[in-house]
C-alpha atoms as a PDB file:
ATOM      1  CA  MET A   1     -21.749  57.116 -13.211  1.00  0.00           C
ATOM      2  CA  ALA A   2     -18.742  55.057 -12.082  1.00  0.00           C
ATOM      3  CA  ARG A   3     -17.595  57.922  -9.839  1.00  0.00           C
ATOM      4  CA  ALA A   4     -21.101  58.186  -8.352  1.00  0.00           C
ATOM      5  CA  TRP A   5     -21.096  54.462  -7.510  1.00  0.00           C
ATOM      6  CA  LYS A   6     -17.690  54.830  -5.862  1.00  0.00           C
ATOM      7  CA  ARG A   7     -18.964  57.719  -3.755  1.00  0.00           C
ATOM      8  CA  LEU A   8     -22.003  55.678  -2.703  1.00  0.00           C
ATOM      9  CA  ALA A   9     -19.832  52.660  -1.850  1.00  0.00           C
ATOM     10  CA  ALA A  10     -17.493  54.815   0.259  1.00  0.00           C
ATOM     11  CA  ALA A  11     -20.440  56.382   2.093  1.00  0.00           C
ATOM     12  CA  ALA A  12     -21.930  52.950   2.751  1.00  0.00           C
ATOM     13  CA  ALA A  13     -18.615  51.700   4.123  1.00  0.00           C
ATOM     14  CA  LEU A  14     -18.336  54.719   6.420  1.00  0.00           C
ATOM     15  CA  CYS A  15     -21.882  54.141   7.709  1.00  0.00           C
ATOM     16  CA  ALA A  16     -21.087  50.492   8.353  1.00  0.00           C
ATOM     17  CA  VAL A  17     -18.011  51.386  10.396  1.00  0.00           C
ATOM     18  CA  THR A  18     -19.879  54.044  12.388  1.00  0.00           C
ATOM     19  CA  ALA A  19     -22.745  51.675  13.053  1.00  0.00           C
ATOM     20  CA  MET A  20     -20.489  48.946  14.426  1.00  0.00           C
ATOM     21  CA  PRO A  21     -20.791  48.645  18.233  1.00  0.00           C
ATOM     22  CA  ALA A  22     -17.803  49.747  20.281  1.00  0.00           C
ATOM     23  CA  ALA A  23     -15.526  46.899  21.282  1.00  0.00           C
ATOM     24  CA  ALA A  24     -16.275  45.532  24.729  1.00  0.00           C
ATOM     25  CA  SER A  25     -13.852  46.676  27.376  1.00  0.00           C
ATOM     26  CA  ALA A  26     -11.437  44.065  28.693  1.00  0.00           C
ATOM     27  CA  SER A  27     -11.947  43.121  32.321  1.00  0.00           C
ATOM     28  CA  ALA A  28      -9.033  43.211  34.739  1.00  0.00           C
ATOM     29  CA  ASN A  29      -7.562  40.098  36.290  1.00  0.00           C
ATOM     30  CA  VAL A  30      -7.446  40.640  40.054  1.00  0.00           C
ATOM     31  CA  ALA A  31      -5.391  38.261  42.181  1.00  0.00           C
ATOM     32  CA  ALA A  32      -6.012  38.923  45.886  1.00  0.00           C
ATOM     33  CA  LEU A  33      -3.414  37.188  48.050  1.00  0.00           C
ATOM     34  CA  MET A  34      -4.390  36.609  51.681  1.00  0.00           C
ATOM     35  CA  TYR A  35      -1.681  36.872  54.344  1.00  0.00           C
ATOM     36  CA  HIS A  36      -1.864  36.887  58.116  1.00  0.00           C
ATOM     37  CA  SER A  37       1.366  36.851  60.108  1.00  0.00           C
ATOM     38  CA  VAL A  38       4.857  37.476  58.691  1.00  0.00           C
ATOM     39  CA  THR A  39       7.815  36.607  60.908  1.00  0.00           C
ATOM     40  CA  ARG A  40      11.456  35.530  60.832  1.00  0.00           C
ATOM     41  CA  ASP A  41      10.712  32.837  63.418  1.00  0.00           C
ATOM     42  CA  ALA A  42      10.833  29.699  61.231  1.00  0.00           C
ATOM     43  CA  SER A  43       9.165  27.590  63.928  1.00  0.00           C
ATOM     44  CA  ARG A  44       5.934  29.505  63.278  1.00  0.00           C
ATOM     45  CA  TRP A  45       5.818  29.184  59.491  1.00  0.00           C
ATOM     46  CA  GLY A  46       2.767  27.312  58.235  1.00  0.00           C
ATOM     47  CA  ASP A  47      -0.602  27.765  56.579  1.00  0.00           C
ATOM     48  CA  TYR A  48      -1.070  31.327  57.859  1.00  0.00           C
ATOM     49  CA  THR A  49       2.459  32.477  58.710  1.00  0.00           C
ATOM     50  CA  LEU A  50       5.480  32.958  56.472  1.00  0.00           C
ATOM     51  CA  SER A  51       8.791  34.793  56.272  1.00  0.00           C
ATOM     52  CA  PRO A  52       9.438  38.388  55.154  1.00  0.00           C
ATOM     53  CA  ASP A  53      11.757  36.985  52.461  1.00  0.00           C
ATOM     54  CA  THR A  54       8.863  34.998  50.992  1.00  0.00           C
ATOM     55  CA  LEU A  55       6.662  38.090  50.975  1.00  0.00           C
ATOM     56  CA  ASP A  56       9.492  40.041  49.332  1.00  0.00           C
ATOM     57  CA  ALA A  57       9.813  37.340  46.652  1.00  0.00           C
ATOM     58  CA  ASP A  58       6.046  37.325  46.030  1.00  0.00           C
ATOM     59  CA  ILE A  59       5.807  41.071  45.502  1.00  0.00           C
ATOM     60  CA  GLY A  60       8.935  41.265  43.371  1.00  0.00           C
ATOM     61  CA  TYR A  61       7.899  38.339  41.171  1.00  0.00           C
ATOM     62  CA  PHE A  62       4.347  39.541  40.519  1.00  0.00           C
ATOM     63  CA  ILE A  63       5.518  43.082  39.739  1.00  0.00           C
ATOM     64  CA  SER A  64       8.297  41.862  37.427  1.00  0.00           C
ATOM     65  CA  ASN A  65       5.674  39.850  35.558  1.00  0.00           C
ATOM     66  CA  GLY A  66       3.470  42.830  34.816  1.00  0.00           C
ATOM     67  CA  TYR A  67       1.194  43.138  37.844  1.00  0.00           C
ATOM     68  CA  ILE A  68       0.358  46.448  39.484  1.00  0.00           C
ATOM     69  CA  THR A  69      -0.542  46.684  43.163  1.00  0.00           C
ATOM     70  CA  MET A  70      -3.604  48.492  44.452  1.00  0.00           C
ATOM     71  CA  THR A  71      -5.367  48.759  47.763  1.00  0.00           C
ATOM     72  CA  ALA A  72      -8.892  47.346  47.869  1.00  0.00           C
ATOM     73  CA  ALA A  73     -10.296  50.874  48.165  1.00  0.00           C
ATOM     74  CA  GLU A  74      -8.326  52.018  45.107  1.00  0.00           C
ATOM     75  CA  LEU A  75      -9.645  49.080  43.103  1.00  0.00           C
ATOM     76  CA  ALA A  76     -13.213  49.852  44.178  1.00  0.00           C
ATOM     77  CA  SER A  77     -12.965  53.454  42.969  1.00  0.00           C
ATOM     78  CA  ALA A  78     -10.775  52.884  39.887  1.00  0.00           C
ATOM     79  CA  SER A  79     -12.101  53.723  36.442  1.00  0.00           C
ATOM     80  CA  ALA A  80     -12.150  51.332  33.515  1.00  0.00           C
ATOM     81  CA  ALA A  81      -9.206  53.242  32.059  1.00  0.00           C
ATOM     82  CA  ASP A  82      -7.174  52.385  35.174  1.00  0.00           C
ATOM     83  CA  THR A  83      -8.088  48.695  35.271  1.00  0.00           C
ATOM     84  CA  ASP A  84      -9.222  47.281  31.934  1.00  0.00           C
ATOM     85  CA  GLY A  85      -6.862  44.668  30.579  1.00  0.00           C
ATOM     86  CA  ARG A  86      -4.563  44.969  33.594  1.00  0.00           C
ATOM     87  CA  ASN A  87      -3.238  42.318  35.947  1.00  0.00           C
ATOM     88  CA  ILE A  88      -3.838  43.660  39.449  1.00  0.00           C
ATOM     89  CA  LEU A  89      -2.385  42.323  42.692  1.00  0.00           C
ATOM     90  CA  LEU A  90      -4.235  42.944  45.962  1.00  0.00           C
ATOM     91  CA  LEU A  91      -1.999  42.260  48.957  1.00  0.00           C
ATOM     92  CA  THR A  92      -4.412  41.716  51.847  1.00  0.00           C
ATOM     93  CA  PHE A  93      -3.524  41.038  55.484  1.00  0.00           C
ATOM     94  CA  ASP A  94      -5.968  40.005  58.196  1.00  0.00           C
ATOM     95  CA  ASP A  95      -6.031  40.633  61.962  1.00  0.00           C
ATOM     96  CA  GLY A  96      -3.330  43.305  62.455  1.00  0.00           C
ATOM     97  CA  TYR A  97      -0.296  41.537  63.900  1.00  0.00           C
ATOM     98  CA  SER A  98       2.545  43.762  65.099  1.00  0.00           C
ATOM     99  CA  ASN A  99       4.922  42.165  62.585  1.00  0.00           C
ATOM    100  CA  PHE A 100       3.011  43.920  59.811  1.00  0.00           C
ATOM    101  CA  TYR A 101       4.760  47.101  60.929  1.00  0.00           C
ATOM    102  CA  THR A 102       8.185  45.548  61.555  1.00  0.00           C
ATOM    103  CA  ASP A 103       8.381  43.000  58.715  1.00  0.00           C
ATOM    104  CA  VAL A 104       5.768  43.858  56.058  1.00  0.00           C
ATOM    105  CA  PHE A 105       5.806  47.649  55.921  1.00  0.00           C
ATOM    106  CA  PRO A 106       9.544  47.800  55.042  1.00  0.00           C
ATOM    107  CA  VAL A 107       8.974  45.413  52.100  1.00  0.00           C
ATOM    108  CA  LEU A 108       6.076  47.535  50.853  1.00  0.00           C
ATOM    109  CA  LYS A 109       8.297  50.613  50.978  1.00  0.00           C
ATOM    110  CA  LYS A 110      11.064  48.768  49.108  1.00  0.00           C
ATOM    111  CA  TYR A 111       8.751  48.097  46.139  1.00  0.00           C
ATOM    112  CA  ASN A 112       6.438  51.091  46.610  1.00  0.00           C
ATOM    113  CA  ALA A 113       3.718  48.433  46.762  1.00  0.00           C
ATOM    114  CA  LYS A 114       0.176  48.948  48.068  1.00  0.00           C
ATOM    115  CA  ALA A 115      -1.546  46.693  50.630  1.00  0.00           C
ATOM    116  CA  THR A 116      -4.744  46.529  52.673  1.00  0.00           C
ATOM    117  CA  MET A 117      -4.649  45.622  56.368  1.00  0.00           C
ATOM    118  CA  TYR A 118      -7.967  44.393  57.802  1.00  0.00           C
ATOM    119  CA  LEU A 119      -8.080  45.184  61.509  1.00  0.00           C
ATOM    120  CA  ILE A 120     -10.024  43.900  64.507  1.00  0.00           C
ATOM    121  CA  GLY A 121     -10.521  47.102  66.465  1.00  0.00           C
ATOM    122  CA  SER A 122     -10.230  45.706  69.989  1.00  0.00           C
ATOM    123  CA  TYR A 123      -6.898  44.043  69.150  1.00  0.00           C
ATOM    124  CA  ILE A 124      -5.208  47.386  68.496  1.00  0.00           C
ATOM    125  CA  ASP A 125      -2.682  48.283  71.230  1.00  0.00           C
ATOM    126  CA  ARG A 126      -2.834  44.717  72.539  1.00  0.00           C
ATOM    127  CA  TYR A 127       0.437  42.769  72.918  1.00  0.00           C
ATOM    128  CA  GLY A 128       1.399  41.161  69.592  1.00  0.00           C
ATOM    129  CA  TYR A 129      -0.793  43.504  67.552  1.00  0.00           C
ATOM    130  CA  LEU A 130      -0.389  46.919  65.946  1.00  0.00           C
ATOM    131  CA  THR A 131      -0.451  50.070  68.037  1.00  0.00           C
ATOM    132  CA  SER A 132      -2.653  53.058  67.282  1.00  0.00           C
ATOM    133  CA  ASP A 133       0.414  55.124  66.348  1.00  0.00           C
ATOM    134  CA  GLU A 134       1.607  52.471  63.893  1.00  0.00           C
ATOM    135  CA  VAL A 135      -1.846  52.228  62.319  1.00  0.00           C
ATOM    136  CA  TYR A 136      -1.998  56.010  61.916  1.00  0.00           C
ATOM    137  CA  GLU A 137       1.486  56.204  60.389  1.00  0.00           C
ATOM    138  CA  MET A 138       0.843  53.473  57.852  1.00  0.00           C
ATOM    139  CA  ALA A 139      -2.617  54.756  56.935  1.00  0.00           C
ATOM    140  CA  HIS A 140      -0.990  58.083  55.974  1.00  0.00           C
ATOM    141  CA  SER A 141       1.972  56.529  54.150  1.00  0.00           C
ATOM    142  CA  GLY A 142       0.180  56.208  50.817  1.00  0.00           C
ATOM    143  CA  LEU A 143       0.919  52.477  50.824  1.00  0.00           C
ATOM    144  CA  VAL A 144      -1.490  50.959  53.360  1.00  0.00           C
ATOM    145  CA  GLU A 145      -5.273  51.020  53.456  1.00  0.00           C
ATOM    146  CA  ILE A 146      -6.914  50.219  56.787  1.00  0.00           C
ATOM    147  CA  GLY A 147      -9.951  47.984  56.325  1.00  0.00           C
ATOM    148  CA  ASN A 148     -12.587  46.494  58.618  1.00  0.00           C
ATOM    149  CA  HIS A 149     -12.308  42.906  59.950  1.00  0.00           C
ATOM    150  CA  THR A 150     -15.192  43.295  62.461  1.00  0.00           C
ATOM    151  CA  ASP A 151     -14.761  43.201  66.241  1.00  0.00           C
ATOM    152  CA  SER A 152     -16.952  41.039  68.480  1.00  0.00           C
ATOM    153  CA  ILE A 153     -18.055  38.985  65.459  1.00  0.00           C
ATOM    154  CA  HIS A 154     -14.442  37.908  65.002  1.00  0.00           C
ATOM    155  CA  HIS A 155     -14.406  36.639  68.580  1.00  0.00           C
ATOM    156  CA  THR A 156     -17.379  34.360  67.850  1.00  0.00           C
ATOM    157  CA  PRO A 157     -16.604  30.690  67.079  1.00  0.00           C
ATOM    158  CA  LYS A 158     -16.972  30.233  63.343  1.00  0.00           C
ATOM    159  CA  GLU A 159     -19.282  27.256  63.911  1.00  0.00           C
ATOM    160  CA  LEU A 160     -21.864  29.699  65.314  1.00  0.00           C
ATOM    161  CA  LEU A 161     -21.644  32.368  62.630  1.00  0.00           C
ATOM    162  CA  ASP A 162     -24.004  30.729  60.156  1.00  0.00           C
ATOM    163  CA  GLY A 163     -26.778  30.690  62.744  1.00  0.00           C
ATOM    164  CA  ILE A 164     -26.083  34.266  63.797  1.00  0.00           C
ATOM    165  CA  TYR A 165     -26.009  35.596  60.241  1.00  0.00           C
ATOM    166  CA  ASN A 166     -29.288  33.919  59.348  1.00  0.00           C
ATOM    167  CA  ASN A 167     -31.107  34.878  62.546  1.00  0.00           C
ATOM    168  CA  PRO A 168     -33.299  37.984  62.021  1.00  0.00           C
ATOM    169  CA  ASN A 169     -32.790  38.917  65.678  1.00  0.00           C
ATOM    170  CA  SER A 170     -29.005  39.127  65.345  1.00  0.00           C
ATOM    171  CA  PHE A 171     -28.788  40.437  61.765  1.00  0.00           C
ATOM    172  CA  TYR A 172     -28.593  44.090  62.800  1.00  0.00           C
ATOM    173  CA  GLU A 173     -26.214  43.302  65.666  1.00  0.00           C
ATOM    174  CA  VAL A 174     -23.730  42.165  63.037  1.00  0.00           C
ATOM    175  CA  ILE A 175     -24.262  45.383  61.052  1.00  0.00           C
ATOM    176  CA  GLU A 176     -23.776  47.394  64.244  1.00  0.00           C
ATOM    177  CA  ASP A 177     -20.550  45.553  65.068  1.00  0.00           C
ATOM    178  CA  ILE A 178     -19.129  46.366  61.638  1.00  0.00           C
ATOM    179  CA  LYS A 179     -20.298  49.988  61.927  1.00  0.00           C
ATOM    180  CA  ASN A 180     -18.710  50.417  65.383  1.00  0.00           C
ATOM    181  CA  ASN A 181     -15.420  48.839  64.314  1.00  0.00           C
ATOM    182  CA  GLY A 182     -15.258  51.087  61.261  1.00  0.00           C
ATOM    183  CA  GLU A 183     -15.835  54.150  63.425  1.00  0.00           C
ATOM    184  CA  ARG A 184     -13.102  53.068  65.835  1.00  0.00           C
ATOM    185  CA  LEU A 185     -10.644  52.691  62.964  1.00  0.00           C
ATOM    186  CA  LYS A 186     -11.627  56.073  61.527  1.00  0.00           C
ATOM    187  CA  ASN A 187     -11.097  57.684  64.946  1.00  0.00           C
ATOM    188  CA  ILE A 188      -7.518  56.395  64.873  1.00  0.00           C
ATOM    189  CA  THR A 189      -6.644  57.286  61.279  1.00  0.00           C
ATOM    190  CA  GLY A 190      -9.049  60.090  60.377  1.00  0.00           C
ATOM    191  CA  ILE A 191      -9.820  58.179  57.161  1.00  0.00           C
ATOM    192  CA  ASP A 192     -13.141  56.581  56.186  1.00  0.00           C
ATOM    193  CA  VAL A 193     -13.134  52.788  56.171  1.00  0.00           C
ATOM    194  CA  VAL A 194     -14.743  51.498  52.964  1.00  0.00           C
ATOM    195  CA  THR A 195     -13.720  47.838  52.550  1.00  0.00           C
ATOM    196  CA  LEU A 196     -14.389  44.766  54.669  1.00  0.00           C
ATOM    197  CA  SER A 197     -12.880  41.309  55.174  1.00  0.00           C
ATOM    198  CA  TRP A 198     -15.469  38.799  56.390  1.00  0.00           C
ATOM    199  CA  PRO A 199     -14.107  36.791  59.377  1.00  0.00           C
ATOM    200  CA  TYR A 200     -13.282  33.225  58.320  1.00  0.00           C
ATOM    201  CA  GLY A 201     -14.810  34.101  54.963  1.00  0.00           C
ATOM    202  CA  PHE A 202     -18.329  33.549  56.352  1.00  0.00           C
ATOM    203  CA  TYR A 203     -21.100  35.860  55.124  1.00  0.00           C
ATOM    204  CA  THR A 204     -24.545  35.859  53.548  1.00  0.00           C
ATOM    205  CA  SER A 205     -25.490  37.780  50.434  1.00  0.00           C
ATOM    206  CA  GLU A 206     -28.118  39.647  52.482  1.00  0.00           C
ATOM    207  CA  LEU A 207     -25.556  40.766  55.059  1.00  0.00           C
ATOM    208  CA  ASP A 208     -22.984  41.717  52.462  1.00  0.00           C
ATOM    209  CA  GLY A 209     -25.585  43.718  50.578  1.00  0.00           C
ATOM    210  CA  ALA A 210     -26.688  45.490  53.762  1.00  0.00           C
ATOM    211  CA  VAL A 211     -23.107  46.452  54.652  1.00  0.00           C
ATOM    212  CA  LYS A 212     -22.711  48.026  51.232  1.00  0.00           C
ATOM    213  CA  SER A 213     -26.118  49.701  50.983  1.00  0.00           C
ATOM    214  CA  GLN A 214     -26.493  50.824  54.612  1.00  0.00           C
ATOM    215  CA  LEU A 215     -22.898  51.502  55.676  1.00  0.00           C
ATOM    216  CA  GLY A 216     -21.505  52.588  52.307  1.00  0.00           C
ATOM    217  CA  TYR A 217     -18.824  49.922  52.012  1.00  0.00           C
ATOM    218  CA  ARG A 218     -17.520  49.645  48.485  1.00  0.00           C
ATOM    219  CA  LEU A 219     -15.821  46.260  48.414  1.00  0.00           C
ATOM    220  CA  SER A 220     -15.656  43.090  50.512  1.00  0.00           C
ATOM    221  CA  VAL A 221     -13.367  40.073  50.465  1.00  0.00           C
ATOM    222  CA  GLY A 222     -13.875  36.492  51.599  1.00  0.00           C
ATOM    223  CA  THR A 223     -11.769  33.339  51.603  1.00  0.00           C
ATOM    224  CA  GLU A 224     -13.134  31.447  48.588  1.00  0.00           C
ATOM    225  CA  TYR A 225     -10.019  30.389  46.678  1.00  0.00           C
ATOM    226  CA  GLY A 226      -9.618  31.922  43.247  1.00  0.00           C
ATOM    227  CA  VAL A 227      -8.981  35.072  41.274  1.00  0.00           C
ATOM    228  CA  ASN A 228     -11.442  37.662  40.008  1.00  0.00           C
ATOM    229  CA  LYS A 229     -12.547  39.193  36.733  1.00  0.00           C
ATOM    230  CA  TRP A 230     -13.087  42.884  37.450  1.00  0.00           C
ATOM    231  CA  ASN A 231     -15.152  45.343  35.428  1.00  0.00           C
ATOM    232  CA  ALA A 232     -15.020  48.838  36.861  1.00  0.00           C
ATOM    233  CA  GLY A 233     -18.361  49.957  38.271  1.00  0.00           C
ATOM    234  CA  GLU A 234     -20.026  46.570  37.849  1.00  0.00           C
ATOM    235  CA  ASN A 235     -18.686  44.493  40.751  1.00  0.00           C
ATOM    236  CA  THR A 236     -20.848  43.758  43.762  1.00  0.00           C
ATOM    237  CA  ALA A 237     -19.743  40.221  44.642  1.00  0.00           C
ATOM    238  CA  VAL A 238     -17.405  39.329  47.504  1.00  0.00           C
ATOM    239  CA  LEU A 239     -13.882  39.015  46.083  1.00  0.00           C
ATOM    240  CA  LYS A 240     -12.148  35.642  46.075  1.00  0.00           C
ATOM    241  CA  ARG A 241      -8.729  35.403  47.700  1.00  0.00           C
ATOM    242  CA  MET A 242      -5.812  32.991  47.578  1.00  0.00           C
ATOM    243  CA  ASN A 243      -4.454  32.041  51.000  1.00  0.00           C
ATOM    244  CA  ARG A 244      -0.678  32.299  50.915  1.00  0.00           C
ATOM    245  CA  GLU A 245       0.767  29.317  52.818  1.00  0.00           C
ATOM    246  CA  ALA A 246       4.479  29.030  53.636  1.00  0.00           C
ATOM    247  CA  SER A 247       4.921  25.661  51.929  1.00  0.00           C
ATOM    248  CA  ALA A 248       4.324  26.991  48.397  1.00  0.00           C
ATOM    249  CA  SER A 249       6.999  28.657  46.307  1.00  0.00           C
ATOM    250  CA  THR A 250       6.439  32.097  44.820  1.00  0.00           C
ATOM    251  CA  GLU A 251       6.384  30.560  41.339  1.00  0.00           C
ATOM    252  CA  GLU A 252       3.674  28.103  42.419  1.00  0.00           C
ATOM    253  CA  VAL A 253       1.509  30.905  43.777  1.00  0.00           C
ATOM    254  CA  PHE A 254       2.011  32.952  40.612  1.00  0.00           C
ATOM    255  CA  ASN A 255       1.179  29.979  38.382  1.00  0.00           C
ATOM    256  CA  ARG A 256      -1.995  29.243  40.345  1.00  0.00           C
ATOM    257  CA  ALA A 257      -3.119  32.845  39.859  1.00  0.00           C
ATOM    258  CA  SER A 258      -2.332  32.721  36.137  1.00  0.00           C
ATOM    259  CA  LYS A 259      -4.077  29.381  35.542  1.00  0.00           C
ATOM    260  CA  LEU A 260      -7.226  30.511  37.308  1.00  0.00           C
ATOM    261  CA  PHE A 261      -7.753  33.372  34.854  1.00  0.00           C
END
């Protein structure tokens, strides 16, 4: 009888374990840093321009403290096994200044770090901006994703964007601008463009949803300050980013990212 009770107790314990729900997967912490221009000209350092040495320090410090770098497109397509419980660093650059090739790309190669460059199509091959050949080379380096930063929309004063985005008559003009810019970038690189940076961080949920449902974009970023909790396959919101100003130390930027988790 005693042995029978022991067998029943063991069976009940096994059933209890099997019936327990699987532990919830741990979301990833995604810190997206927003850069613009990187130059050795100290007279230009400020809110949107900093030195290559500062960028080098940022990447080295985050990696040495357990972060992995991904492009935005890699994050969008990553599985839970690749992201859950990880600290992920997205290095994002807006506009496409020529110093990305001369001063950023060498730092990426030094650390084998990934970055996403969001380009305004009509700026390519213009003085002070990346050339088509440079864009092609970096897009095929395995380190740089080319993303969409719109074209004519970026030339519009930001004070007017709210009215344009909420006007039914101009809604599809915005979609068309993003579509045309993406096609221009693909014609240069031969690679589909699947992520978008909203100019000045302005967007509406309707527009962002349309870009993703109609044009097939998989991820978008804005300028709301903060970091992101990421669950693979469940993220539809515009990612927050942390503008990287020259006045902050690398440790300050890292601590901000850590405290916002």
